[in-house]
Protein backbone atom coordinates (compact mmCIF):
# COMPACT_ATOMS: atom_id res chain seq x y z
CA MET A 1 152.73 153.39 218.91
CA SER A 2 151.26 151.61 221.46
CA ASP A 3 147.73 153.61 221.32
CA PHE A 4 147.31 153.16 217.73
CA ILE A 5 148.32 148.92 217.55
CA THR A 6 145.47 147.71 220.06
CA LEU A 7 143.09 144.94 219.93
CA SER A 8 139.78 147.79 218.81
CA LEU A 9 142.36 147.88 215.92
CA PHE A 10 142.65 144.16 214.96
CA ALA A 11 138.73 144.40 215.64
CA SER A 12 137.74 146.85 213.41
CA MET A 13 140.19 145.06 210.73
CA LEU A 14 137.94 141.98 211.26
CA HIS A 15 134.71 143.52 210.79
CA LEU A 16 135.89 145.86 207.67
CA ALA A 17 137.18 142.58 205.91
CA ILE A 18 133.54 140.68 206.42
CA PRO A 19 132.28 142.66 203.65
CA VAL A 20 135.23 141.66 201.07
CA ILE A 21 135.57 138.17 202.62
CA LEU A 22 132.00 137.42 201.59
CA PRO A 23 132.07 138.46 197.62
CA MET A 24 135.91 137.05 197.59
CA LEU A 25 134.29 133.53 198.31
CA GLY A 26 131.75 134.07 195.59
CA GLY A 27 134.22 134.68 192.97
CA LEU A 28 136.56 132.08 193.87
CA LEU A 29 133.78 129.32 193.51
CA CYS A 30 132.78 130.70 190.62
CA GLU A 31 136.31 131.52 188.98
CA ARG A 32 136.98 128.08 190.28
CA SER A 33 134.03 126.71 188.14
CA GLY A 34 135.35 128.24 184.77
CA VAL A 35 133.32 131.68 184.54
CA VAL A 36 134.50 134.80 184.93
CA ASN A 37 132.59 137.13 187.25
CA ILE A 38 133.78 140.64 187.71
CA GLY A 39 130.24 141.47 189.00
CA LEU A 40 130.60 140.97 192.19
CA GLU A 41 129.92 144.71 192.66
CA GLY A 42 127.17 144.94 191.50
CA MET A 43 125.56 141.54 193.05
CA MET A 44 126.88 143.45 196.51
CA LEU A 45 124.57 146.44 195.68
CA GLY A 46 122.01 144.39 194.93
CA GLY A 47 122.12 142.49 197.98
CA ALA A 48 122.49 145.93 199.97
CA PHE A 49 119.32 147.09 198.72
CA GLY A 50 117.55 144.24 198.89
CA ALA A 51 118.34 143.62 202.51
CA VAL A 52 116.87 146.92 203.24
CA ALA A 53 113.97 146.60 201.39
CA PHE A 54 112.94 143.32 202.25
CA SER A 55 113.53 145.01 206.64
CA TYR A 56 111.67 148.00 205.18
CA LEU A 57 108.17 146.44 204.12
CA THR A 58 108.75 143.54 206.71
CA GLY A 59 109.82 145.34 209.69
CA ASN A 60 111.99 141.72 210.15
CA PRO A 61 115.34 142.38 209.23
CA TRP A 62 115.59 138.50 209.56
CA LEU A 63 113.57 138.60 206.41
CA GLY A 64 115.52 140.73 205.33
CA LEU A 65 118.63 138.67 204.78
CA LEU A 66 116.29 136.27 203.25
CA GLY A 67 115.24 138.99 201.08
CA ALA A 68 119.66 139.15 200.10
CA VAL A 69 119.68 135.71 199.23
CA PHE A 70 116.71 136.39 197.34
CA THR A 71 118.18 139.08 195.15
CA GLY A 72 121.90 137.47 195.29
CA ALA A 73 120.33 134.35 193.36
CA LEU A 74 118.60 136.48 191.03
CA THR A 75 121.75 138.65 189.95
CA GLY A 76 124.01 135.40 190.22
CA GLY A 77 121.13 133.43 188.18
CA LEU A 78 121.06 135.87 185.77
CA LEU A 79 124.49 136.10 184.96
CA ALA A 80 124.59 131.98 184.67
CA VAL A 81 121.70 132.51 181.82
CA MET A 82 123.89 135.07 179.93
CA SER A 83 127.13 133.49 180.65
CA VAL A 84 126.66 129.50 181.13
CA SER A 85 122.94 128.31 179.29
CA LEU A 86 123.08 131.50 176.40
CA ARG A 87 127.40 130.52 176.33
CA GLY A 88 127.68 134.65 176.23
CA ASP A 89 130.99 136.68 176.40
CA GLN A 90 131.24 136.01 180.23
CA VAL A 91 133.55 139.55 180.90
CA ILE A 92 130.15 141.70 178.90
CA GLY A 93 127.75 139.55 181.11
CA SER A 94 129.30 140.46 184.24
CA THR A 95 129.79 143.89 183.78
CA ALA A 96 125.98 144.19 182.60
CA ILE A 97 125.23 142.99 186.21
CA ASN A 98 127.40 145.77 187.69
CA LEU A 99 125.73 148.49 185.16
CA ILE A 100 122.64 147.32 186.73
CA GLY A 101 123.50 146.49 189.97
CA ALA A 102 124.06 150.67 190.12
CA GLY A 103 121.92 152.12 188.59
CA LEU A 104 118.24 150.27 189.08
CA THR A 105 119.44 150.36 192.77
CA ALA A 106 120.11 154.18 192.68
CA ALA A 107 116.66 154.40 190.57
CA LEU A 108 114.49 152.54 192.66
CA VAL A 109 115.01 154.13 195.67
CA PRO A 110 113.13 157.57 194.92
CA ILE A 111 110.34 155.11 193.72
CA ILE A 112 109.87 153.05 196.96
CA TRP A 113 111.24 156.01 199.39
CA GLY A 114 110.22 159.48 197.39
CA ILE A 115 113.94 160.68 198.13
CA ASP A 116 116.70 160.58 196.46
CA GLY A 117 120.64 158.56 197.29
CA THR A 118 119.78 157.50 200.69
CA THR A 119 116.94 155.66 202.08
CA PRO A 120 115.50 156.11 205.83
CA SER A 121 116.29 153.77 208.21
CA VAL A 122 115.01 150.23 208.74
CA PRO A 123 115.21 147.67 211.31
CA LYS A 124 118.53 145.81 211.29
CA VAL A 125 120.00 142.94 212.30
CA PRO A 126 120.74 142.43 215.75
CA THR A 127 124.19 141.40 217.05
CA PRO A 128 124.41 140.89 220.70
CA PRO A 129 128.37 139.79 221.53
CA LEU A 130 128.54 136.27 221.96
CA PRO A 131 128.46 135.05 225.63
CA LEU A 132 131.35 133.74 227.58
CA VAL A 133 134.13 134.19 225.19
CA GLY A 134 135.14 137.20 227.01
CA ASP A 135 136.37 135.05 229.40
CA LEU A 136 138.59 133.25 227.31
CA PRO A 137 142.92 133.81 227.73
CA LEU A 138 144.80 136.01 224.96
CA ILE A 139 141.77 136.23 222.46
CA GLY A 140 139.27 137.02 224.78
CA PRO A 141 139.08 140.75 224.62
CA LEU A 142 139.11 140.32 221.03
CA LEU A 143 136.09 138.01 220.60
CA ALA A 144 134.18 139.88 223.01
CA GLU A 145 133.50 142.14 220.13
CA PHE A 146 132.27 139.79 218.07
CA SER A 147 128.38 138.77 217.32
CA PHE A 148 126.83 135.06 215.56
CA ILE A 149 126.87 137.03 212.49
CA ASP A 150 130.56 137.59 212.55
CA LEU A 151 130.99 134.11 213.34
CA CYS A 152 129.10 132.94 210.77
CA ALA A 153 130.54 135.25 207.68
CA PHE A 154 133.89 133.67 209.14
CA GLY A 155 132.55 129.85 209.24
CA LEU A 156 131.87 130.13 205.86
CA VAL A 157 135.72 130.56 205.01
CA PHE A 158 135.52 127.27 206.28
CA LEU A 159 133.03 125.85 204.65
CA VAL A 160 133.85 126.60 201.17
CA TRP A 161 137.08 125.56 201.74
CA TRP A 162 135.90 122.15 202.91
CA VAL A 163 133.29 121.77 200.27
CA LEU A 164 136.00 123.01 197.68
CA MET A 165 139.04 121.09 198.65
CA ARG A 166 137.50 117.83 200.51
CA THR A 167 134.52 116.58 199.04
CA ASP A 168 133.56 115.43 195.78
CA MET A 169 131.76 118.20 195.02
CA GLY A 170 134.30 120.59 195.14
CA LEU A 171 136.46 118.03 192.57
CA ARG A 172 133.84 117.94 189.79
CA LEU A 173 133.27 121.91 190.69
CA ARG A 174 137.45 122.09 190.02
CA ALA A 175 137.51 120.01 187.40
CA CYS A 176 135.04 121.95 185.37
CA GLY A 177 136.93 125.02 185.31
CA GLU A 178 140.54 122.93 184.87
CA SER A 179 139.08 121.22 181.94
CA ALA A 180 135.29 121.46 180.70
CA VAL A 181 135.73 118.56 177.96
CA ALA A 182 137.76 116.44 180.19
CA ALA A 183 135.13 116.64 183.24
CA ASP A 184 132.28 116.44 180.77
CA ALA A 185 134.01 113.24 179.32
CA ALA A 186 134.30 111.71 183.04
CA GLY A 187 130.05 112.46 183.66
CA ILE A 188 130.16 115.20 185.28
CA ASP A 189 126.99 117.89 183.87
CA VAL A 190 129.19 121.08 183.26
CA THR A 191 126.90 123.17 182.70
CA ARG A 192 124.89 122.49 186.18
CA VAL A 193 128.02 122.76 187.90
CA ARG A 194 128.78 125.97 186.99
CA PHE A 195 125.34 127.61 186.77
CA ILE A 196 124.87 126.66 190.72
CA ALA A 197 128.65 127.79 191.03
CA VAL A 198 127.72 131.04 189.65
CA THR A 199 124.25 132.10 191.55
CA LEU A 200 126.18 130.81 194.66
CA SER A 201 128.46 133.75 194.30
CA GLY A 202 125.36 136.18 193.71
CA VAL A 203 124.29 135.13 196.57
CA LEU A 204 127.47 135.28 198.73
CA ALA A 205 128.38 138.72 197.22
CA ALA A 206 124.55 139.54 197.68
CA LEU A 207 125.25 138.79 201.81
CA GLY A 208 128.45 141.09 202.00
CA GLY A 209 126.21 143.69 200.35
CA ALA A 210 123.71 142.98 203.06
CA TYR A 211 126.31 143.00 205.82
CA LEU A 212 126.99 146.49 205.18
CA SER A 213 123.35 147.80 204.77
CA ILE A 214 121.74 146.03 207.77
CA VAL A 215 124.47 144.64 210.23
CA THR A 216 127.09 147.38 210.20
CA LEU A 217 124.38 149.81 209.07
CA ASP A 218 120.84 150.22 209.06
CA LEU A 219 120.00 151.89 205.46
CA PHE A 220 120.92 151.85 201.84
CA GLN A 221 122.76 154.46 199.89
CA ALA A 222 123.55 154.30 196.31
CA SER A 223 127.12 153.09 195.74
CA MET A 224 127.37 152.41 199.42
CA THR A 225 130.03 148.99 198.42
CA GLN A 226 132.13 151.60 197.45
CA GLY A 227 134.06 149.36 195.44
CA ARG A 228 134.50 146.46 197.67
CA GLY A 229 133.61 144.39 194.89
CA PHE A 230 136.53 145.16 193.20
CA LEU A 231 138.60 144.20 195.95
CA ALA A 232 137.09 141.00 196.38
CA LEU A 233 138.44 139.82 193.03
CA ALA A 234 141.48 141.75 193.79
CA ALA A 235 142.01 139.40 196.86
CA MET A 236 141.03 136.59 194.62
CA VAL A 237 143.25 136.95 191.71
CA PHE A 238 146.46 137.81 194.46
CA GLY A 239 145.48 135.15 196.52
CA LYS A 240 145.63 132.85 193.26
CA TRP A 241 142.19 131.92 193.58
CA ARG A 242 143.22 129.55 196.68
CA VAL A 243 140.68 130.26 199.51
CA GLY A 244 143.39 130.62 202.48
CA PRO A 245 145.81 133.26 200.81
CA ALA A 246 142.99 135.67 199.56
CA PHE A 247 141.45 135.44 203.34
CA LEU A 248 144.34 136.18 204.23
CA VAL A 249 144.50 139.26 201.33
CA CYS A 250 141.39 140.78 202.62
CA LEU A 251 142.38 140.64 206.20
CA GLY A 252 144.87 143.34 204.63
CA PHE A 253 142.39 144.80 203.23
CA GLY A 254 140.67 145.01 206.37
CA LEU A 255 143.62 146.34 208.26
CA ALA A 256 144.37 149.12 205.73
CA ASP A 257 140.83 150.51 206.12
CA ALA A 258 141.00 149.91 210.38
CA ALA A 259 144.29 152.27 209.90
CA ALA A 260 143.06 154.62 207.62
CA LEU A 261 139.86 155.06 210.80
CA ARG A 262 142.19 155.11 213.64
CA ALA A 263 144.76 157.60 211.35
CA GLN A 264 142.31 160.64 211.60
CA ILE A 265 142.38 160.34 215.59
CA PHE A 266 145.87 160.65 215.83
CA THR A 267 147.03 162.94 213.05
CA ASP A 268 145.48 165.92 211.01
CA ASP A 269 148.28 166.18 208.75
CA LEU A 270 147.50 163.64 206.16
CA PRO A 271 143.91 163.90 203.90
CA HIS A 272 140.95 161.69 205.01
CA ASP A 273 140.45 160.93 201.09
CA LEU A 274 143.86 159.50 200.59
CA LEU A 275 143.41 157.34 203.99
CA PHE A 276 140.37 156.00 202.55
CA ALA A 277 141.52 155.12 199.39
CA LEU A 278 144.74 153.30 201.11
CA PRO A 279 142.79 149.98 200.42
CA TYR A 280 142.32 150.53 196.81
CA ILE A 281 145.92 151.79 196.64
CA LEU A 282 147.34 148.34 198.14
CA ALA A 283 144.87 146.43 195.75
CA LEU A 284 146.25 147.75 192.40
CA VAL A 285 150.18 147.67 194.04
CA ALA A 286 149.31 144.03 194.75
CA LEU A 287 147.92 143.37 191.27
CA ALA A 288 150.17 145.42 189.47
CA THR A 289 153.28 143.21 190.95
CA PHE A 290 152.38 140.05 191.11
CA VAL A 291 149.44 139.70 189.18
CA GLY A 292 152.11 138.92 186.32
CA ARG A 293 152.97 135.60 188.11
CA ALA A 294 149.16 134.34 189.10
CA SER A 295 147.52 131.67 186.73
CA GLY A 296 143.64 131.12 187.25
CA PRO A 297 142.26 127.74 186.56
CA ALA A 298 142.88 126.98 183.11
CA ASP A 299 139.04 126.48 181.58
CA VAL A 300 137.81 129.68 183.11
CA GLY A 301 136.22 132.38 180.53
CA LYS A 302 135.96 129.72 178.27
CA PRO A 303 132.24 128.92 177.22
CA PHE A 304 131.57 125.24 177.26
CA ARG A 305 129.39 123.55 174.25
CA ARG A 306 129.16 119.88 174.31
CA ALA A 307 130.43 118.25 171.57
């Protein structure tokens, strides 16, 4: 057991949690503003593809990250137009984003590269370890395996919490999700706040996809997100739309993923497919057990029309 539970296991947990944490933050901002977003999976795929495409075309992985931001803003803006500006059905709109993200990215790979399924390798974002942190007591060996990109990803958790809970901007966003009519009566531009929140959710989800495609790997593969957008939704619901608890759930999914990968080294008795399904099984159990006790923002899913 001591050989199984090591610092490298927890380092893997943190690395594997990042592609779930980023879309979770985006979905949380979106739904706290009052807009349902089950399109995180499609937004992640769009971001993963955009990052690889821009990195391939420019030869610069940092521009690849900007490409992911652009793609995320595009998909988030598209959902915002459908659900906020046109007041369409939010579930149908975000489902359309998932279908577009999965279908369009798979269709563009052979158009751009002339091959099906997987792109050639592209320049990936360099991830040199953080200087000096390895000398810190206790947590030094764990942090030594982290890069500046990882630190920024976890920094976004604190930033989103601080903006949402400690700023006037966050108060306005939460007010729009709890009662759009009362927020409008208080002088808040509900449409504008929701539009920005939905667009930001696309950007954060796309960065989660880009972390997979040009930080962890150096290529795009059809459906490479493997349901992480839905895991992010499960974490958000299980965390009751609060940043801290949802973040801990994401870490739990990361730990399950890391344990599944590590278990392959220690045993051949369990099927590998079953091990890889462990995070999704945990998500299903959590939702089936606790979702009835979770209550989201009062006005989530309700289109706002100014009287």
